[in-house]
PDB file of N, CA and C in Angstrom:
ATOM      1  N   MET A   1       0.847  -1.171   0.000  1.00  0.00           N
ATOM      2  CA  MET A   1       0.000   0.000   0.000  1.00  0.00           C
ATOM      3  C   MET A   1       0.895   1.238   0.000  1.00  0.00           C
ATOM      4  N   PRO A   2       0.574   2.221  -0.790  1.00  0.00           N
ATOM      5  CA  PRO A   2       1.388   3.430  -0.864  1.00  0.00           C
ATOM      6  C   PRO A   2       1.312   4.238   0.431  1.00  0.00           C
ATOM      7  N   PHE A   3       2.246   5.146   0.569  1.00  0.00           N
ATOM      8  CA  PHE A   3       2.286   6.036   1.721  1.00  0.00           C
ATOM      9  C   PHE A   3       0.998   6.835   1.807  1.00  0.00           C
ATOM     10  N   ASP A   4       0.436   6.933   3.002  1.00  0.00           N
ATOM     11  CA  ASP A   4      -0.779   7.721   3.196  1.00  0.00           C
ATOM     12  C   ASP A   4      -0.561   8.677   4.366  1.00  0.00           C
ATOM     13  N   PRO A   5      -0.584   9.983   4.134  1.00  0.00           N
ATOM     14  CA  PRO A   5      -0.329  10.945   5.200  1.00  0.00           C
ATOM     15  C   PRO A   5      -1.368  10.898   6.322  1.00  0.00           C
ATOM     16  N   VAL A   6      -2.599  10.528   5.998  1.00  0.00           N
ATOM     17  CA  VAL A   6      -3.626  10.456   7.038  1.00  0.00           C
ATOM     18  C   VAL A   6      -3.305   9.333   8.016  1.00  0.00           C
ATOM     19  N   ILE A   7      -2.920   8.189   7.487  1.00  0.00           N
ATOM     20  CA  ILE A   7      -2.567   7.073   8.369  1.00  0.00           C
ATOM     21  C   ILE A   7      -1.326   7.414   9.181  1.00  0.00           C
ATOM     22  N   GLU A   8      -0.354   8.058   8.564  1.00  0.00           N
ATOM     23  CA  GLU A   8       0.852   8.468   9.296  1.00  0.00           C
ATOM     24  C   GLU A   8       0.495   9.382  10.462  1.00  0.00           C
ATOM     25  N   ARG A   9      -0.377  10.329  10.229  1.00  0.00           N
ATOM     26  CA  ARG A   9      -0.798  11.265  11.279  1.00  0.00           C
ATOM     27  C   ARG A   9      -1.550  10.526  12.388  1.00  0.00           C
ATOM     28  N   LEU A  10      -2.434   9.622  12.008  1.00  0.00           N
ATOM     29  CA  LEU A  10      -3.170   8.845  13.001  1.00  0.00           C
ATOM     30  C   LEU A  10      -2.238   7.964  13.831  1.00  0.00           C
ATOM     31  N   LEU A  11      -1.225   7.390  13.189  1.00  0.00           N
ATOM     32  CA  LEU A  11      -0.261   6.566  13.925  1.00  0.00           C
ATOM     33  C   LEU A  11       0.517   7.390  14.944  1.00  0.00           C
ATOM     34  N   SER A  12       0.903   8.610  14.572  1.00  0.00           N
ATOM     35  CA  SER A  12       1.622   9.450  15.536  1.00  0.00           C
ATOM     36  C   SER A  12       0.710   9.826  16.702  1.00  0.00           C
ATOM     37  N   GLN A  13      -0.572  10.072  16.418  1.00  0.00           N
ATOM     38  CA  GLN A  13      -1.528  10.358  17.489  1.00  0.00           C
ATOM     39  C   GLN A  13      -1.720   9.130  18.385  1.00  0.00           C
ATOM     40  N   PHE A  14      -1.738   7.960  17.776  1.00  0.00           N
ATOM     41  CA  PHE A  14      -1.900   6.735  18.557  1.00  0.00           C
ATOM     42  C   PHE A  14      -0.701   6.508  19.474  1.00  0.00           C
ATOM     43  N   GLU A  15       0.505   6.763  18.967  1.00  0.00           N
ATOM     44  CA  GLU A  15       1.708   6.616  19.794  1.00  0.00           C
ATOM     45  C   GLU A  15       1.634   7.511  21.027  1.00  0.00           C
ATOM     46  N   GLN A  16       1.140   8.712  20.868  1.00  0.00           N
ATOM     47  CA  GLN A  16       0.994   9.620  22.004  1.00  0.00           C
ATOM     48  C   GLN A  16      -0.087   9.124  22.957  1.00  0.00           C
ATOM     49  N   ALA A  17      -1.133   8.530  22.428  1.00  0.00           N
ATOM     50  CA  ALA A  17      -2.256   8.089  23.256  1.00  0.00           C
ATOM     51  C   ALA A  17      -1.911   6.885  24.117  1.00  0.00           C
ATOM     52  N   VAL A  18      -0.980   6.058  23.681  1.00  0.00           N
ATOM     53  CA  VAL A  18      -0.677   4.842  24.437  1.00  0.00           C
ATOM     54  C   VAL A  18       0.448   5.018  25.444  1.00  0.00           C
ATOM     55  N   ARG A  19       1.081   6.168  25.459  1.00  0.00           N
ATOM     56  CA  ARG A  19       2.106   6.435  26.468  1.00  0.00           C
ATOM     57  C   ARG A  19       1.447   6.512  27.843  1.00  0.00           C
ATOM     58  N   PRO A  20       2.195   6.164  28.899  1.00  0.00           N
ATOM     59  CA  PRO A  20       1.612   6.208  30.254  1.00  0.00           C
ATOM     60  C   PRO A  20       1.031   7.577  30.609  1.00  0.00           C
ATOM     61  N   GLU A  21       1.682   8.647  30.181  1.00  0.00           N
ATOM     62  CA  GLU A  21       1.170   9.979  30.503  1.00  0.00           C
ATOM     63  C   GLU A  21       0.146  10.452  29.477  1.00  0.00           C
ATOM     64  N   GLY A  22      -0.146   9.615  28.479  1.00  0.00           N
ATOM     65  CA  GLY A  22      -1.060   9.996  27.396  1.00  0.00           C
ATOM     66  C   GLY A  22      -2.521   9.896  27.790  1.00  0.00           C
ATOM     67  N   VAL A  23      -3.360   9.881  26.798  1.00  0.00           N
ATOM     68  CA  VAL A  23      -4.806   9.879  26.966  1.00  0.00           C
ATOM     69  C   VAL A  23      -5.270   8.469  27.319  1.00  0.00           C
ATOM     70  N   ASP A  24      -6.500   8.345  27.806  1.00  0.00           N
ATOM     71  CA  ASP A  24      -7.025   7.039  28.215  1.00  0.00           C
ATOM     72  C   ASP A  24      -7.191   6.084  27.031  1.00  0.00           C
ATOM     73  N   GLY A  25      -7.550   4.836  27.339  1.00  0.00           N
ATOM     74  CA  GLY A  25      -7.657   3.800  26.328  1.00  0.00           C
ATOM     75  C   GLY A  25      -8.761   4.025  25.317  1.00  0.00           C
ATOM     76  N   VAL A  26      -9.804   4.743  25.683  1.00  0.00           N
ATOM     77  CA  VAL A  26     -10.901   4.995  24.762  1.00  0.00           C
ATOM     78  C   VAL A  26     -10.416   5.820  23.574  1.00  0.00           C
ATOM     79  N   HIS A  27      -9.577   6.799  23.840  1.00  0.00           N
ATOM     80  CA  HIS A  27      -9.035   7.632  22.771  1.00  0.00           C
ATOM     81  C   HIS A  27      -8.161   6.785  21.844  1.00  0.00           C
ATOM     82  N   GLY A  28      -7.334   5.933  22.425  1.00  0.00           N
ATOM     83  CA  GLY A  28      -6.488   5.050  21.625  1.00  0.00           C
ATOM     84  C   GLY A  28      -7.309   4.111  20.760  1.00  0.00           C
ATOM     85  N   ASP A  29      -8.388   3.576  21.325  1.00  0.00           N
ATOM     86  CA  ASP A  29      -9.275   2.701  20.550  1.00  0.00           C
ATOM     87  C   ASP A  29      -9.916   3.450  19.385  1.00  0.00           C
ATOM     88  N   ALA A  30     -10.322   4.692  19.628  1.00  0.00           N
ATOM     89  CA  ALA A  30     -10.939   5.490  18.569  1.00  0.00           C
ATOM     90  C   ALA A  30      -9.947   5.737  17.435  1.00  0.00           C
ATOM     91  N   ILE A  31      -8.695   5.974  17.794  1.00  0.00           N
ATOM     92  CA  ILE A  31      -7.671   6.197  16.769  1.00  0.00           C
ATOM     93  C   ILE A  31      -7.444   4.924  15.964  1.00  0.00           C
ATOM     94  N   LEU A  32      -7.401   3.785  16.641  1.00  0.00           N
ATOM     95  CA  LEU A  32      -7.234   2.509  15.927  1.00  0.00           C
ATOM     96  C   LEU A  32      -8.386   2.262  14.958  1.00  0.00           C
ATOM     97  N   HIS A  33      -9.583   2.583  15.367  1.00  0.00           N
ATOM     98  CA  HIS A  33     -10.739   2.423  14.480  1.00  0.00           C
ATOM     99  C   HIS A  33     -10.614   3.348  13.267  1.00  0.00           C
ATOM    100  N   ALA A  34     -10.120   4.556  13.486  1.00  0.00           N
ATOM    101  CA  ALA A  34      -9.936   5.492  12.374  1.00  0.00           C
ATOM    102  C   ALA A  34      -8.877   4.977  11.402  1.00  0.00           C
ATOM    103  N   ILE A  35      -7.797   4.395  11.938  1.00  0.00           N
ATOM    104  CA  ILE A  35      -6.744   3.833  11.083  1.00  0.00           C
ATOM    105  C   ILE A  35      -7.315   2.684  10.251  1.00  0.00           C
ATOM    106  N   LEU A  36      -8.058   1.814  10.898  1.00  0.00           N
ATOM    107  CA  LEU A  36      -8.648   0.682  10.187  1.00  0.00           C
ATOM    108  C   LEU A  36      -9.614   1.150   9.106  1.00  0.00           C
ATOM    109  N   ALA A  37     -10.448   2.121   9.427  1.00  0.00           N
ATOM    110  CA  ALA A  37     -11.400   2.637   8.444  1.00  0.00           C
ATOM    111  C   ALA A  37     -10.667   3.228   7.244  1.00  0.00           C
ATOM    112  N   ARG A  38      -9.600   3.959   7.489  1.00  0.00           N
ATOM    113  CA  ARG A  38      -8.837   4.563   6.389  1.00  0.00           C
ATOM    114  C   ARG A  38      -8.186   3.473   5.543  1.00  0.00           C
ATOM    115  N   TRP A  39      -7.619   2.473   6.198  1.00  0.00           N
ATOM    116  CA  TRP A  39      -6.953   1.391   5.479  1.00  0.00           C
ATOM    117  C   TRP A  39      -7.958   0.649   4.592  1.00  0.00           C
ATOM    118  N   LEU A  40      -9.142   0.370   5.134  1.00  0.00           N
ATOM    119  CA  LEU A  40     -10.162  -0.307   4.338  1.00  0.00           C
ATOM    120  C   LEU A  40     -10.593   0.555   3.149  1.00  0.00           C
ATOM    121  N   TRP A  41     -10.689   1.843   3.362  1.00  0.00           N
ATOM    122  CA  TRP A  41     -11.096   2.750   2.295  1.00  0.00           C
ATOM    123  C   TRP A  41     -10.049   2.811   1.182  1.00  0.00           C
ATOM    124  N   LEU A  42      -8.764   2.691   1.541  1.00  0.00           N
ATOM    125  CA  LEU A  42      -7.686   2.808   0.563  1.00  0.00           C
ATOM    126  C   LEU A  42      -7.436   1.542  -0.247  1.00  0.00           C
ATOM    127  N   ARG A  43      -7.932   0.428   0.215  1.00  0.00           N
ATOM    128  CA  ARG A  43      -7.649  -0.827  -0.486  1.00  0.00           C
ATOM    129  C   ARG A  43      -8.244  -0.811  -1.877  1.00  0.00           C
ATOM    130  N   SER A  44      -7.562  -1.487  -2.772  1.00  0.00           N
ATOM    131  CA  SER A  44      -8.030  -1.536  -4.149  1.00  0.00           C
ATOM    132  C   SER A  44      -9.229  -2.486  -4.265  1.00  0.00           C
ATOM    133  N   PRO A  45     -10.071  -2.271  -5.242  1.00  0.00           N
ATOM    134  CA  PRO A  45     -11.228  -3.155  -5.426  1.00  0.00           C
ATOM    135  C   PRO A  45     -10.830  -4.615  -5.640  1.00  0.00           C
ATOM    136  N   SER A  46      -9.678  -4.851  -6.272  1.00  0.00           N
ATOM    137  CA  SER A  46      -9.259  -6.234  -6.503  1.00  0.00           C
ATOM    138  C   SER A  46      -8.908  -6.931  -5.188  1.00  0.00           C
ATOM    139  N   GLU A  47      -8.305  -6.199  -4.252  1.00  0.00           N
ATOM    140  CA  GLU A  47      -8.010  -6.784  -2.938  1.00  0.00           C
ATOM    141  C   GLU A  47      -9.297  -7.153  -2.222  1.00  0.00           C
ATOM    142  N   VAL A  48     -10.257  -6.262  -2.267  1.00  0.00           N
ATOM    143  CA  VAL A  48     -11.537  -6.513  -1.609  1.00  0.00           C
ATOM    144  C   VAL A  48     -12.229  -7.702  -2.247  1.00  0.00           C
ATOM    145  N   GLN A  49     -12.203  -7.785  -3.577  1.00  0.00           N
ATOM    146  CA  GLN A  49     -12.843  -8.900  -4.272  1.00  0.00           C
ATOM    147  C   GLN A  49     -12.167 -10.217  -3.929  1.00  0.00           C
ATOM    148  N   GLN A  50     -10.843 -10.200  -3.832  1.00  0.00           N
ATOM    149  CA  GLN A  50     -10.124 -11.428  -3.514  1.00  0.00           C
ATOM    150  C   GLN A  50     -10.503 -11.922  -2.126  1.00  0.00           C
ATOM    151  N   GLU A  51     -10.613 -11.015  -1.169  1.00  0.00           N
ATOM    152  CA  GLU A  51     -11.004 -11.419   0.178  1.00  0.00           C
ATOM    153  C   GLU A  51     -12.462 -11.851   0.222  1.00  0.00           C
ATOM    154  N   ALA A  52     -13.288 -11.233  -0.603  1.00  0.00           N
ATOM    155  CA  ALA A  52     -14.705 -11.576  -0.606  1.00  0.00           C
ATOM    156  C   ALA A  52     -14.946 -12.942  -1.236  1.00  0.00           C
ATOM    157  N   ASN A  53     -13.999 -13.399  -2.038  1.00  0.00           N
ATOM    158  CA  ASN A  53     -14.133 -14.701  -2.679  1.00  0.00           C
ATOM    159  C   ASN A  53     -14.048 -15.777  -1.604  1.00  0.00           C
ATOM    160  N   HIS A  54     -15.144 -16.437  -1.377  1.00  0.00           N
ATOM    161  CA  HIS A  54     -15.175 -17.462  -0.332  1.00  0.00           C
ATOM    162  C   HIS A  54     -14.853 -18.828  -0.907  1.00  0.00           C
ATOM    163  N   GLY A  55     -14.116 -18.846  -1.967  1.00  0.00           N
ATOM    164  CA  GLY A  55     -13.762 -20.089  -2.625  1.00  0.00           C
ATOM    165  C   GLY A  55     -12.504 -20.693  -2.037  1.00  0.00           C
ATOM    166  N   ALA A  56     -11.659 -21.126  -2.904  1.00  0.00           N
ATOM    167  CA  ALA A  56     -10.456 -21.854  -2.515  1.00  0.00           C
ATOM    168  C   ALA A  56      -9.441 -20.955  -1.826  1.00  0.00           C
ATOM    169  N   LEU A  57      -8.461 -21.601  -1.268  1.00  0.00           N
ATOM    170  CA  LEU A  57      -7.349 -20.942  -0.601  1.00  0.00           C
ATOM    171  C   LEU A  57      -6.631 -20.025  -1.581  1.00  0.00           C
ATOM    172  N   GLN A  58      -6.227 -18.850  -1.127  1.00  0.00           N
ATOM    173  CA  GLN A  58      -5.500 -17.934  -2.008  1.00  0.00           C
ATOM    174  C   GLN A  58      -4.184 -18.568  -2.443  1.00  0.00           C
ATOM    175  N   LYS A  59      -3.736 -18.211  -3.638  1.00  0.00           N
ATOM    176  CA  LYS A  59      -2.533 -18.824  -4.214  1.00  0.00           C
ATOM    177  C   LYS A  59      -1.317 -18.626  -3.332  1.00  0.00           C
ATOM    178  N   TRP A  60      -1.151 -17.435  -2.765  1.00  0.00           N
ATOM    179  CA  TRP A  60       0.040 -17.178  -1.955  1.00  0.00           C
ATOM    180  C   TRP A  60       0.028 -18.027  -0.689  1.00  0.00           C
ATOM    181  N   ARG A  61      -1.148 -18.271  -0.116  1.00  0.00           N
ATOM    182  CA  ARG A  61      -1.224 -19.138   1.068  1.00  0.00           C
ATOM    183  C   ARG A  61      -0.933 -20.590   0.677  1.00  0.00           C
ATOM    184  N   LEU A  62      -1.476 -21.004  -0.464  1.00  0.00           N
ATOM    185  CA  LEU A  62      -1.247 -22.363  -0.934  1.00  0.00           C
ATOM    186  C   LEU A  62       0.242 -22.605  -1.186  1.00  0.00           C
ATOM    187  N   LYS A  63       0.913 -21.628  -1.789  1.00  0.00           N
ATOM    188  CA  LYS A  63       2.351 -21.763  -2.034  1.00  0.00           C
ATOM    189  C   LYS A  63       3.128 -21.870  -0.734  1.00  0.00           C
ATOM    190  N   ARG A  64       2.740 -21.088   0.275  1.00  0.00           N
ATOM    191  CA  ARG A  64       3.413 -21.166   1.576  1.00  0.00           C
ATOM    192  C   ARG A  64       3.251 -22.536   2.208  1.00  0.00           C
ATOM    193  N   VAL A  65       2.042 -23.095   2.102  1.00  0.00           N
ATOM    194  CA  VAL A  65       1.787 -24.412   2.676  1.00  0.00           C
ATOM    195  C   VAL A  65       2.584 -25.479   1.933  1.00  0.00           C
ATOM    196  N   MET A  66       2.589 -25.407   0.605  1.00  0.00           N
ATOM    197  CA  MET A  66       3.333 -26.390  -0.180  1.00  0.00           C
ATOM    198  C   MET A  66       4.831 -26.308   0.113  1.00  0.00           C
ATOM    199  N   ALA A  67       5.336 -25.103   0.271  1.00  0.00           N
ATOM    200  CA  ALA A  67       6.754 -24.936   0.626  1.00  0.00           C
ATOM    201  C   ALA A  67       7.023 -25.502   2.019  1.00  0.00           C
ATOM    202  N   TYR A  68       6.107 -25.286   2.947  1.00  0.00           N
ATOM    203  CA  TYR A  68       6.260 -25.829   4.299  1.00  0.00           C
ATOM    204  C   TYR A  68       6.314 -27.351   4.261  1.00  0.00           C
ATOM    205  N   VAL A  69       5.418 -27.948   3.483  1.00  0.00           N
ATOM    206  CA  VAL A  69       5.400 -29.416   3.369  1.00  0.00           C
ATOM    207  C   VAL A  69       6.720 -29.902   2.796  1.00  0.00           C
ATOM    208  N   ASP A  70       7.207 -29.269   1.746  1.00  0.00           N
ATOM    209  CA  ASP A  70       8.467 -29.690   1.130  1.00  0.00           C
ATOM    210  C   ASP A  70       9.648 -29.555   2.099  1.00  0.00           C
ATOM    211  N   GLU A  71       9.645 -28.509   2.919  1.00  0.00           N
ATOM    212  CA  GLU A  71      10.739 -28.289   3.876  1.00  0.00           C
ATOM    213  C   GLU A  71      10.701 -29.277   5.034  1.00  0.00           C
ATOM    214  N   HIS A  72       9.501 -29.768   5.398  1.00  0.00           N
ATOM    215  CA  HIS A  72       9.348 -30.638   6.562  1.00  0.00           C
ATOM    216  C   HIS A  72       8.818 -32.020   6.196  1.00  0.00           C
ATOM    217  N   ILE A  73       9.090 -32.451   4.965  1.00  0.00           N
ATOM    218  CA  ILE A  73       8.522 -33.689   4.444  1.00  0.00           C
ATOM    219  C   ILE A  73       8.904 -34.924   5.267  1.00  0.00           C
ATOM    220  N   GLY A  74      10.064 -34.914   5.879  1.00  0.00           N
ATOM    221  CA  GLY A  74      10.515 -36.059   6.666  1.00  0.00           C
ATOM    222  C   GLY A  74      10.065 -36.024   8.111  1.00  0.00           C
ATOM    223  N   GLU A  75       9.345 -35.002   8.508  1.00  0.00           N
ATOM    224  CA  GLU A  75       8.895 -34.847   9.891  1.00  0.00           C
ATOM    225  C   GLU A  75       7.391 -35.090   9.979  1.00  0.00           C
ATOM    226  N   ALA A  76       6.909 -35.208  11.199  1.00  0.00           N
ATOM    227  CA  ALA A  76       5.457 -35.291  11.406  1.00  0.00           C
ATOM    228  C   ALA A  76       4.870 -33.896  11.174  1.00  0.00           C
ATOM    229  N   ILE A  77       3.893 -33.818  10.292  1.00  0.00           N
ATOM    230  CA  ILE A  77       3.261 -32.542   9.964  1.00  0.00           C
ATOM    231  C   ILE A  77       1.793 -32.635  10.353  1.00  0.00           C
ATOM    232  N   SER A  78       1.368 -31.760  11.238  1.00  0.00           N
ATOM    233  CA  SER A  78      -0.024 -31.768  11.676  1.00  0.00           C
ATOM    234  C   SER A  78      -0.841 -30.736  10.906  1.00  0.00           C
ATOM    235  N   LEU A  79      -2.137 -30.866  11.008  1.00  0.00           N
ATOM    236  CA  LEU A  79      -3.031 -29.887  10.395  1.00  0.00           C
ATOM    237  C   LEU A  79      -2.780 -28.508  11.000  1.00  0.00           C
ATOM    238  N   ALA A  80      -2.503 -28.473  12.295  1.00  0.00           N
ATOM    239  CA  ALA A  80      -2.217 -27.195  12.961  1.00  0.00           C
ATOM    240  C   ALA A  80      -0.964 -26.547  12.379  1.00  0.00           C
ATOM    241  N   ASP A  81       0.052 -27.349  12.050  1.00  0.00           N
ATOM    242  CA  ASP A  81       1.276 -26.817  11.440  1.00  0.00           C
ATOM    243  C   ASP A  81       0.977 -26.169  10.085  1.00  0.00           C
ATOM    244  N   LEU A  82       0.185 -26.859   9.279  1.00  0.00           N
ATOM    245  CA  LEU A  82      -0.158 -26.337   7.958  1.00  0.00           C
ATOM    246  C   LEU A  82      -1.007 -25.077   8.072  1.00  0.00           C
ATOM    247  N   ALA A  83      -1.978 -25.100   8.975  1.00  0.00           N
ATOM    248  CA  ALA A  83      -2.834 -23.930   9.164  1.00  0.00           C
ATOM    249  C   ALA A  83      -2.016 -22.737   9.636  1.00  0.00           C
ATOM    250  N   ARG A  84      -1.054 -22.984  10.515  1.00  0.00           N
ATOM    251  CA  ARG A  84      -0.177 -21.912  10.994  1.00  0.00           C
ATOM    252  C   ARG A  84       0.643 -21.338   9.841  1.00  0.00           C
ATOM    253  N   ALA A  85       1.128 -22.192   8.973  1.00  0.00           N
ATOM    254  CA  ALA A  85       1.901 -21.731   7.815  1.00  0.00           C
ATOM    255  C   ALA A  85       1.035 -20.865   6.898  1.00  0.00           C
ATOM    256  N   ALA A  86      -0.252 -21.195   6.816  1.00  0.00           N
ATOM    257  CA  ALA A  86      -1.173 -20.424   5.970  1.00  0.00           C
ATOM    258  C   ALA A  86      -1.715 -19.200   6.691  1.00  0.00           C
ATOM    259  N   GLY A  87      -1.573 -19.168   8.016  1.00  0.00           N
ATOM    260  CA  GLY A  87      -2.098 -18.045   8.778  1.00  0.00           C
ATOM    261  C   GLY A  87      -3.605 -18.111   8.961  1.00  0.00           C
ATOM    262  N   LEU A  88      -4.140 -19.337   9.074  1.00  0.00           N
ATOM    263  CA  LEU A  88      -5.591 -19.523   9.207  1.00  0.00           C
ATOM    264  C   LEU A  88      -5.890 -20.504  10.330  1.00  0.00           C
ATOM    265  N   SER A  89      -7.149 -20.588  10.716  1.00  0.00           N
ATOM    266  CA  SER A  89      -7.545 -21.597  11.701  1.00  0.00           C
ATOM    267  C   SER A  89      -7.510 -22.967  11.030  1.00  0.00           C
ATOM    268  N   ARG A  90      -7.449 -24.015  11.840  1.00  0.00           N
ATOM    269  CA  ARG A  90      -7.308 -25.363  11.293  1.00  0.00           C
ATOM    270  C   ARG A  90      -8.462 -25.751  10.364  1.00  0.00           C
ATOM    271  N   MET A  91      -9.681 -25.587  10.834  1.00  0.00           N
ATOM    272  CA  MET A  91     -10.827 -26.059  10.061  1.00  0.00           C
ATOM    273  C   MET A  91     -11.063 -25.202   8.813  1.00  0.00           C
ATOM    274  N   TYR A  92     -10.878 -23.901   8.940  1.00  0.00           N
ATOM    275  CA  TYR A  92     -11.029 -23.032   7.781  1.00  0.00           C
ATOM    276  C   TYR A  92      -9.978 -23.374   6.741  1.00  0.00           C
ATOM    277  N   PHE A  93      -8.733 -23.561   7.207  1.00  0.00           N
ATOM    278  CA  PHE A  93      -7.656 -23.931   6.288  1.00  0.00           C
ATOM    279  C   PHE A  93      -7.970 -25.245   5.583  1.00  0.00           C
ATOM    280  N   ALA A  94      -8.392 -26.261   6.338  1.00  0.00           N
ATOM    281  CA  ALA A  94      -8.644 -27.583   5.755  1.00  0.00           C
ATOM    282  C   ALA A  94      -9.710 -27.508   4.663  1.00  0.00           C
ATOM    283  N   ALA A  95     -10.772 -26.764   4.919  1.00  0.00           N
ATOM    284  CA  ALA A  95     -11.842 -26.646   3.923  1.00  0.00           C
ATOM    285  C   ALA A  95     -11.353 -25.916   2.673  1.00  0.00           C
ATOM    286  N   ARG A  96     -10.626 -24.829   2.854  1.00  0.00           N
ATOM    287  CA  ARG A  96     -10.144 -24.048   1.714  1.00  0.00           C
ATOM    288  C   ARG A  96      -9.060 -24.802   0.938  1.00  0.00           C
ATOM    289  N   PHE A  97      -8.220 -25.541   1.651  1.00  0.00           N
ATOM    290  CA  PHE A  97      -7.178 -26.325   0.991  1.00  0.00           C
ATOM    291  C   PHE A  97      -7.818 -27.384   0.099  1.00  0.00           C
ATOM    292  N   ARG A  98      -8.851 -28.026   0.619  1.00  0.00           N
ATOM    293  CA  ARG A  98      -9.518 -29.064  -0.167  1.00  0.00           C
ATOM    294  C   ARG A  98     -10.179 -28.475  -1.408  1.00  0.00           C
ATOM    295  N   MET A  99     -10.734 -27.266  -1.287  1.00  0.00           N
ATOM    296  CA  MET A  99     -11.337 -26.620  -2.455  1.00  0.00           C
ATOM    297  C   MET A  99     -10.281 -26.287  -3.502  1.00  0.00           C
ATOM    298  N   ALA A 100      -9.084 -25.929  -3.050  1.00  0.00           N
ATOM    299  CA  ALA A 100      -8.019 -25.530  -3.973  1.00  0.00           C
ATOM    300  C   ALA A 100      -7.351 -26.713  -4.646  1.00  0.00           C
ATOM    301  N   THR A 101      -7.232 -27.833  -3.944  1.00  0.00           N
ATOM    302  CA  THR A 101      -6.448 -28.958  -4.458  1.00  0.00           C
ATOM    303  C   THR A 101      -7.248 -30.221  -4.727  1.00  0.00           C
ATOM    304  N   SER A 102      -8.487 -30.269  -4.282  1.00  0.00           N
ATOM    305  CA  SER A 102      -9.328 -31.477  -4.352  1.00  0.00           C
ATOM    306  C   SER A 102      -8.775 -32.598  -3.491  1.00  0.00           C
ATOM    307  N   LEU A 103      -7.901 -32.261  -2.572  1.00  0.00           N
ATOM    308  CA  LEU A 103      -7.314 -33.243  -1.656  1.00  0.00           C
ATOM    309  C   LEU A 103      -7.431 -32.738  -0.224  1.00  0.00           C
ATOM    310  N   ARG A 104      -7.567 -33.681   0.703  1.00  0.00           N
ATOM    311  CA  ARG A 104      -7.448 -33.304   2.109  1.00  0.00           C
ATOM    312  C   ARG A 104      -5.965 -33.021   2.373  1.00  0.00           C
ATOM    313  N   PRO A 105      -5.666 -32.170   3.355  1.00  0.00           N
ATOM    314  CA  PRO A 105      -4.254 -31.871   3.630  1.00  0.00           C
ATOM    315  C   PRO A 105      -3.417 -33.133   3.864  1.00  0.00           C
ATOM    316  N   HIS A 106      -3.964 -34.087   4.603  1.00  0.00           N
ATOM    317  CA  HIS A 106      -3.226 -35.322   4.869  1.00  0.00           C
ATOM    318  C   HIS A 106      -2.954 -36.099   3.583  1.00  0.00           C
ATOM    319  N   GLU A 107      -3.929 -36.147   2.698  1.00  0.00           N
ATOM    320  CA  GLU A 107      -3.737 -36.822   1.413  1.00  0.00           C
ATOM    321  C   GLU A 107      -2.635 -36.151   0.604  1.00  0.00           C
ATOM    322  N   TYR A 108      -2.610 -34.818   0.640  1.00  0.00           N
ATOM    323  CA  TYR A 108      -1.570 -34.086  -0.085  1.00  0.00           C
ATOM    324  C   TYR A 108      -0.187 -34.435   0.460  1.00  0.00           C
ATOM    325  N   ILE A 109      -0.056 -34.480   1.786  1.00  0.00           N
ATOM    326  CA  ILE A 109       1.229 -34.813   2.398  1.00  0.00           C
ATOM    327  C   ILE A 109       1.658 -36.221   1.996  1.00  0.00           C
ATOM    328  N   LEU A 110       0.718 -37.155   2.042  1.00  0.00           N
ATOM    329  CA  LEU A 110       1.050 -38.533   1.646  1.00  0.00           C
ATOM    330  C   LEU A 110       1.514 -38.598   0.190  1.00  0.00           C
ATOM    331  N   ARG A 111       0.830 -37.922  -0.702  1.00  0.00           N
ATOM    332  CA  ARG A 111       1.238 -37.916  -2.115  1.00  0.00           C
ATOM    333  C   ARG A 111       2.621 -37.307  -2.299  1.00  0.00           C
ATOM    334  N   ARG A 112       2.905 -36.231  -1.597  1.00  0.00           N
ATOM    335  CA  ARG A 112       4.224 -35.592  -1.707  1.00  0.00           C
ATOM    336  C   ARG A 112       5.311 -36.545  -1.200  1.00  0.00           C
ATOM    337  N   ARG A 113       5.020 -37.256  -0.132  1.00  0.00           N
ATOM    338  CA  ARG A 113       6.002 -38.221   0.397  1.00  0.00           C
ATOM    339  C   ARG A 113       6.227 -39.357  -0.583  1.00  0.00           C
ATOM    340  N   ILE A 114       5.187 -39.837  -1.220  1.00  0.00           N
ATOM    341  CA  ILE A 114       5.324 -40.895  -2.212  1.00  0.00           C
ATOM    342  C   ILE A 114       6.130 -40.392  -3.400  1.00  0.00           C
ATOM    343  N   GLU A 115       5.852 -39.168  -3.852  1.00  0.00           N
ATOM    344  CA  GLU A 115       6.613 -38.584  -4.976  1.00  0.00           C
ATOM    345  C   GLU A 115       8.086 -38.463  -4.621  1.00  0.00           C
ATOM    346  N   ARG A 116       8.383 -38.065  -3.394  1.00  0.00           N
ATOM    347  CA  ARG A 116       9.777 -37.911  -2.959  1.00  0.00           C
ATOM    348  C   ARG A 116      10.492 -39.254  -2.882  1.00  0.00           C
ATOM    349  N   ALA A 117       9.759 -40.298  -2.507  1.00  0.00           N
ATOM    350  CA  ALA A 117      10.352 -41.634  -2.369  1.00  0.00           C
ATOM    351  C   ALA A 117      10.660 -42.152  -3.754  1.00  0.00           C
TER     352      ALA A 117
END
């Protein structure tokens, strides 16, 4: 995301609000909400559409998971490990992974191990 002077100004205000001698937590929360609102407003329509797509796992997450599997192929790999690599909860990751690959995560790991052997 490009530099945004409004977000920069809000961040400096937030830094002042969270200091011990600064303003109470309500003010800090309001600033955080303003930062979030600005960030959402600045996002491109394609980013919003990609997040709105409730389909398969995003390509960049899938690549991270596949790289994780390749790096740890000789170790025990749990669903929690894969979900952590993707930055998602276990069940959400498992459902999205299956939509993207037509395989359960465990099936994918087994196939990769067979290919490596």
